[in-house]
């Protein structure tokens, strides 16, 4: 299923094709823990569902402390927003 979410770090919209069902998403939205509902997803995929943050954004923001540009941290702090999930059930092209 195509999942489109706005990153809480950058406010950039990202779309990923994840092996999830609508029933699983509903169960998670109704209070079950993400790791219980989606044990088949990688930690990066679960983080994407929770926050819209991609593995690349995570690495840039929190990866190697010696390589973080302080200007990026200011941008991230200024743009952190609310996570919004948009579900597109069409197959990827």
N, C-alpha and C. Protein backbone atom coordinates (compact mmCIF):
# COMPACT_ATOMS: atom_id res chain seq x y z
N UNK A 1 0.85 -1.17 0.00
CA UNK A 1 0.00 0.00 0.00
C UNK A 1 0.89 1.24 0.00
N UNK A 2 0.55 2.20 -0.82
CA UNK A 2 1.29 3.45 -0.85
C UNK A 2 0.88 4.31 0.34
N UNK A 3 1.86 4.72 1.12
CA UNK A 3 1.62 5.56 2.28
C UNK A 3 2.35 6.88 2.06
N UNK A 4 1.63 7.98 2.17
CA UNK A 4 2.22 9.31 1.98
C UNK A 4 2.12 10.04 3.31
N UNK A 5 3.27 10.49 3.82
CA UNK A 5 3.32 11.13 5.13
C UNK A 5 4.26 12.33 5.05
N UNK A 6 3.92 13.38 5.77
CA UNK A 6 4.77 14.56 5.86
C UNK A 6 5.76 14.36 7.01
N UNK A 7 7.03 14.52 6.73
CA UNK A 7 8.08 14.36 7.74
C UNK A 7 7.96 15.41 8.82
N UNK A 8 8.05 14.97 10.08
CA UNK A 8 8.03 15.92 11.19
C UNK A 8 9.35 16.67 11.29
N UNK A 9 10.39 16.16 10.66
CA UNK A 9 11.69 16.84 10.71
C UNK A 9 11.82 17.92 9.66
N UNK A 10 11.34 17.64 8.45
CA UNK A 10 11.60 18.55 7.34
C UNK A 10 10.34 19.13 6.70
N UNK A 11 9.19 18.60 7.06
CA UNK A 11 7.91 18.97 6.43
C UNK A 11 7.83 18.55 4.97
N UNK A 12 8.76 17.74 4.51
CA UNK A 12 8.73 17.23 3.14
C UNK A 12 7.81 16.01 3.12
N UNK A 13 6.98 15.91 2.07
CA UNK A 13 6.10 14.76 1.91
C UNK A 13 6.87 13.62 1.27
N UNK A 14 6.72 12.43 1.84
CA UNK A 14 7.38 11.22 1.31
C UNK A 14 6.32 10.15 1.09
N UNK A 15 6.53 9.33 0.08
CA UNK A 15 5.64 8.21 -0.20
C UNK A 15 6.47 6.93 -0.22
N UNK A 16 5.99 5.93 0.50
CA UNK A 16 6.63 4.61 0.49
C UNK A 16 5.56 3.56 0.25
N UNK A 17 5.95 2.51 -0.46
CA UNK A 17 5.06 1.37 -0.69
C UNK A 17 5.38 0.35 0.40
N UNK A 18 4.49 0.21 1.37
CA UNK A 18 4.73 -0.68 2.51
C UNK A 18 3.78 -1.87 2.47
N UNK A 19 4.26 -3.03 2.91
CA UNK A 19 3.40 -4.22 2.94
C UNK A 19 2.48 -4.21 4.16
N UNK A 20 1.48 -3.34 4.12
CA UNK A 20 0.53 -3.21 5.22
C UNK A 20 -0.89 -3.24 4.65
N UNK A 21 -1.84 -3.56 5.52
CA UNK A 21 -3.24 -3.57 5.12
C UNK A 21 -3.98 -2.44 5.82
N UNK A 22 -5.15 -2.13 5.30
CA UNK A 22 -5.98 -1.12 5.93
C UNK A 22 -6.38 -1.55 7.33
N UNK A 23 -6.63 -2.85 7.51
CA UNK A 23 -7.01 -3.35 8.83
C UNK A 23 -5.89 -3.14 9.84
N UNK A 24 -4.64 -3.37 9.41
CA UNK A 24 -3.50 -3.14 10.30
C UNK A 24 -3.38 -1.66 10.66
N UNK A 25 -3.52 -0.79 9.67
CA UNK A 25 -3.45 0.65 9.93
C UNK A 25 -4.53 1.08 10.91
N UNK A 26 -5.74 0.57 10.71
CA UNK A 26 -6.84 0.92 11.62
C UNK A 26 -6.56 0.43 13.03
N UNK A 27 -6.02 -0.77 13.16
CA UNK A 27 -5.69 -1.32 14.48
C UNK A 27 -4.66 -0.45 15.17
N UNK A 28 -3.64 -0.02 14.43
CA UNK A 28 -2.60 0.84 14.99
C UNK A 28 -3.18 2.20 15.39
N UNK A 29 -4.00 2.78 14.52
CA UNK A 29 -4.60 4.09 14.81
C UNK A 29 -5.53 4.02 16.03
N UNK A 30 -6.05 2.83 16.31
CA UNK A 30 -6.95 2.66 17.45
C UNK A 30 -6.22 2.30 18.74
N UNK A 31 -4.88 2.45 18.75
CA UNK A 31 -4.16 2.35 20.00
C UNK A 31 -3.19 1.20 20.17
N UNK A 32 -3.15 0.25 19.25
CA UNK A 32 -2.17 -0.82 19.39
C UNK A 32 -0.78 -0.29 19.05
N UNK A 33 0.22 -0.87 19.65
CA UNK A 33 1.60 -0.44 19.42
C UNK A 33 2.05 -0.80 18.01
N UNK A 34 2.83 0.10 17.41
CA UNK A 34 3.27 -0.08 16.03
C UNK A 34 4.06 -1.39 15.87
N UNK A 35 4.89 -1.75 16.85
CA UNK A 35 5.68 -2.96 16.73
C UNK A 35 4.82 -4.22 16.89
N UNK A 36 3.67 -4.10 17.55
CA UNK A 36 2.76 -5.25 17.66
C UNK A 36 1.99 -5.47 16.36
N UNK A 37 1.56 -4.37 15.75
CA UNK A 37 0.75 -4.46 14.54
C UNK A 37 1.61 -4.76 13.31
N UNK A 38 2.83 -4.23 13.30
CA UNK A 38 3.69 -4.35 12.12
C UNK A 38 5.03 -5.02 12.44
N UNK A 39 5.04 -6.22 13.00
CA UNK A 39 6.33 -6.86 13.32
C UNK A 39 7.13 -7.20 12.06
N UNK A 40 6.44 -7.27 10.93
CA UNK A 40 7.09 -7.60 9.66
C UNK A 40 7.80 -6.40 9.02
N UNK A 41 7.56 -5.20 9.53
CA UNK A 41 8.24 -4.02 8.98
C UNK A 41 9.59 -3.83 9.66
N UNK A 42 10.50 -3.19 8.95
CA UNK A 42 11.79 -2.86 9.53
C UNK A 42 11.61 -1.69 10.50
N UNK A 43 12.57 -1.48 11.40
CA UNK A 43 12.48 -0.30 12.27
C UNK A 43 12.37 1.00 11.48
N UNK A 44 13.09 1.10 10.36
CA UNK A 44 13.00 2.31 9.52
C UNK A 44 11.59 2.50 8.97
N UNK A 45 10.96 1.41 8.54
CA UNK A 45 9.60 1.51 8.00
C UNK A 45 8.61 1.90 9.09
N UNK A 46 8.77 1.35 10.28
CA UNK A 46 7.88 1.72 11.38
C UNK A 46 8.07 3.19 11.77
N UNK A 47 9.32 3.65 11.78
CA UNK A 47 9.58 5.06 12.07
C UNK A 47 8.93 5.95 11.02
N UNK A 48 8.98 5.51 9.77
CA UNK A 48 8.33 6.27 8.70
C UNK A 48 6.82 6.39 8.97
N UNK A 49 6.18 5.30 9.37
CA UNK A 49 4.75 5.35 9.68
C UNK A 49 4.45 6.31 10.83
N UNK A 50 5.30 6.29 11.84
CA UNK A 50 5.07 7.10 13.03
C UNK A 50 5.28 8.59 12.75
N UNK A 51 6.34 8.91 12.02
CA UNK A 51 6.75 10.31 11.92
C UNK A 51 6.92 10.86 10.51
N UNK A 52 6.87 9.99 9.51
CA UNK A 52 7.11 10.45 8.14
C UNK A 52 8.59 10.65 7.84
N UNK A 53 9.45 10.33 8.80
CA UNK A 53 10.90 10.52 8.64
C UNK A 53 11.48 9.32 7.90
N UNK A 54 12.20 9.59 6.82
CA UNK A 54 12.86 8.52 6.09
C UNK A 54 14.18 8.15 6.76
N UNK A 55 14.72 7.01 6.37
CA UNK A 55 16.01 6.57 6.92
C UNK A 55 17.10 7.60 6.60
N UNK A 56 17.03 8.19 5.42
CA UNK A 56 18.03 9.18 5.02
C UNK A 56 17.93 10.44 5.89
N UNK A 57 16.70 10.90 6.13
CA UNK A 57 16.53 12.07 6.99
C UNK A 57 17.01 11.78 8.41
N UNK A 58 16.69 10.59 8.91
CA UNK A 58 17.10 10.20 10.26
C UNK A 58 18.62 10.21 10.37
N UNK A 59 19.27 9.61 9.39
CA UNK A 59 20.74 9.55 9.40
C UNK A 59 21.33 10.95 9.35
N UNK A 60 20.76 11.80 8.52
CA UNK A 60 21.27 13.17 8.41
C UNK A 60 21.08 13.93 9.72
N UNK A 61 19.93 13.73 10.36
CA UNK A 61 19.62 14.48 11.58
C UNK A 61 20.31 13.92 12.82
N UNK A 62 20.39 12.60 12.90
CA UNK A 62 20.85 12.00 14.16
C UNK A 62 21.99 11.01 14.00
N UNK A 63 22.48 10.84 12.78
CA UNK A 63 23.53 9.85 12.52
C UNK A 63 24.83 10.18 13.19
N UNK A 64 25.81 10.49 12.44
CA UNK A 64 27.16 10.76 12.92
C UNK A 64 27.23 12.19 13.45
N UNK A 65 27.36 12.33 14.77
CA UNK A 65 27.37 13.66 15.38
C UNK A 65 28.48 14.56 14.84
N UNK A 66 29.57 13.97 14.42
CA UNK A 66 30.69 14.76 13.91
C UNK A 66 30.40 15.37 12.55
N UNK A 67 29.40 14.85 11.85
CA UNK A 67 29.11 15.34 10.50
C UNK A 67 27.80 16.12 10.41
N UNK A 68 27.21 16.50 11.52
CA UNK A 68 25.96 17.26 11.49
C UNK A 68 26.27 18.74 11.30
N UNK A 69 25.63 19.32 10.33
CA UNK A 69 25.76 20.75 10.09
C UNK A 69 24.78 21.46 11.02
N UNK A 70 25.25 22.33 11.91
CA UNK A 70 24.36 23.02 12.84
C UNK A 70 23.23 23.77 12.14
N UNK A 71 23.45 24.22 10.92
CA UNK A 71 22.39 24.91 10.17
C UNK A 71 21.23 23.97 9.88
N UNK A 72 21.55 22.67 9.65
CA UNK A 72 20.49 21.69 9.42
C UNK A 72 19.64 21.50 10.66
N UNK A 73 20.26 21.51 11.83
CA UNK A 73 19.50 21.35 13.07
C UNK A 73 18.54 22.50 13.28
N UNK A 74 18.97 23.70 12.92
CA UNK A 74 18.08 24.86 13.04
C UNK A 74 16.91 24.70 12.08
N UNK A 75 17.17 24.26 10.85
CA UNK A 75 16.10 24.06 9.88
C UNK A 75 15.12 23.02 10.38
N UNK A 76 15.64 21.92 10.92
CA UNK A 76 14.78 20.85 11.42
C UNK A 76 13.93 21.37 12.57
N UNK A 77 14.53 22.10 13.50
CA UNK A 77 13.79 22.62 14.65
C UNK A 77 12.70 23.59 14.20
N UNK A 78 12.99 24.37 13.16
CA UNK A 78 12.02 25.36 12.71
C UNK A 78 10.89 24.75 11.90
N UNK A 79 11.13 23.59 11.27
CA UNK A 79 10.12 23.03 10.37
C UNK A 79 9.38 21.84 10.96
N UNK A 80 9.75 21.39 12.16
CA UNK A 80 9.07 20.24 12.74
C UNK A 80 7.58 20.53 12.84
N UNK A 81 6.78 19.62 12.27
CA UNK A 81 5.34 19.83 12.24
C UNK A 81 4.59 18.59 12.64
N UNK A 82 3.31 18.62 12.42
CA UNK A 82 2.43 17.52 12.77
C UNK A 82 2.45 16.46 11.68
N UNK A 83 2.49 15.21 12.08
CA UNK A 83 2.46 14.12 11.12
C UNK A 83 1.05 13.96 10.55
N UNK A 84 0.99 13.84 9.24
CA UNK A 84 -0.27 13.61 8.55
C UNK A 84 -0.07 12.39 7.67
N UNK A 85 -1.00 11.46 7.71
CA UNK A 85 -0.89 10.25 6.89
C UNK A 85 -1.96 10.31 5.81
N UNK A 86 -1.53 10.14 4.57
CA UNK A 86 -2.44 10.04 3.45
C UNK A 86 -2.21 8.68 2.83
N UNK A 87 -3.26 7.91 2.68
CA UNK A 87 -3.13 6.55 2.17
C UNK A 87 -3.63 6.51 0.74
N UNK A 88 -2.78 6.01 -0.15
CA UNK A 88 -3.12 5.85 -1.54
C UNK A 88 -3.06 4.37 -1.84
N UNK A 89 -4.19 3.74 -2.13
CA UNK A 89 -4.22 2.30 -2.30
C UNK A 89 -3.91 1.85 -3.73
N UNK A 90 -3.57 2.79 -4.59
CA UNK A 90 -3.18 2.41 -5.95
C UNK A 90 -1.81 1.77 -5.92
N UNK A 91 -1.55 0.91 -6.85
CA UNK A 91 -0.24 0.28 -6.97
C UNK A 91 0.76 1.29 -7.49
N UNK A 92 2.04 1.18 -7.07
CA UNK A 92 3.03 2.09 -7.60
C UNK A 92 3.25 1.84 -9.08
N UNK A 93 3.59 2.87 -9.78
CA UNK A 93 3.79 2.75 -11.23
C UNK A 93 5.18 2.29 -11.55
